[in-house]
Amino acid sequence: MNGTKRHVAVDVLGLLVTELVTGAGVQDRDGAMPLLERLRAACLRVALVWADGAYAGALLCWAREELALRLQIVKRPDDVSGFVVVPRRWVVERTLAWITRRRRCVRDYERRHDSHEAMVYWAMVLVMTRRLAKQAP
């Protein structure tokens, strides 16, 4: 399958902590393991990770035993039809929207995963510096 997939770990504000770019054919659970390892290496104090329903299964036990992370799956309510805002899941979607506002991150311009990761980090640097500039007196 052509294309790329972004696996991101963000804080509660939606700011990027770490990310992993893989081929589009990689399943979410398979991409989550190296992403969680990067998260653990970057932030030792993280204890709880909220994740989408696609990350359920053996990943929960692996994260608890190998990385000492509690992985909590945020599920969509079963009794609701149509679109519904699910708490904590919209934070990641908003971050992905911020990333895709940058021209180089909209399409698969980058051929290598490491250069695509650099473009994602650059997009988030722009978001964070603009926030800091607004707060300056």
Foldseek 3Di string as FASTA:
>chain_A
DADKDKDFAADQQLATQDIFIDGPPDFPLRRVVVVLVVNCVRDVPAAEGEDEPSNDDPNQVCCCPPRVHHYHYQYDDPVDDDDDDGPPPVSNVVNVVLQCVDPPQVGPPDPDRVVNRVSSVVSSVVVVVVVVVVPDD
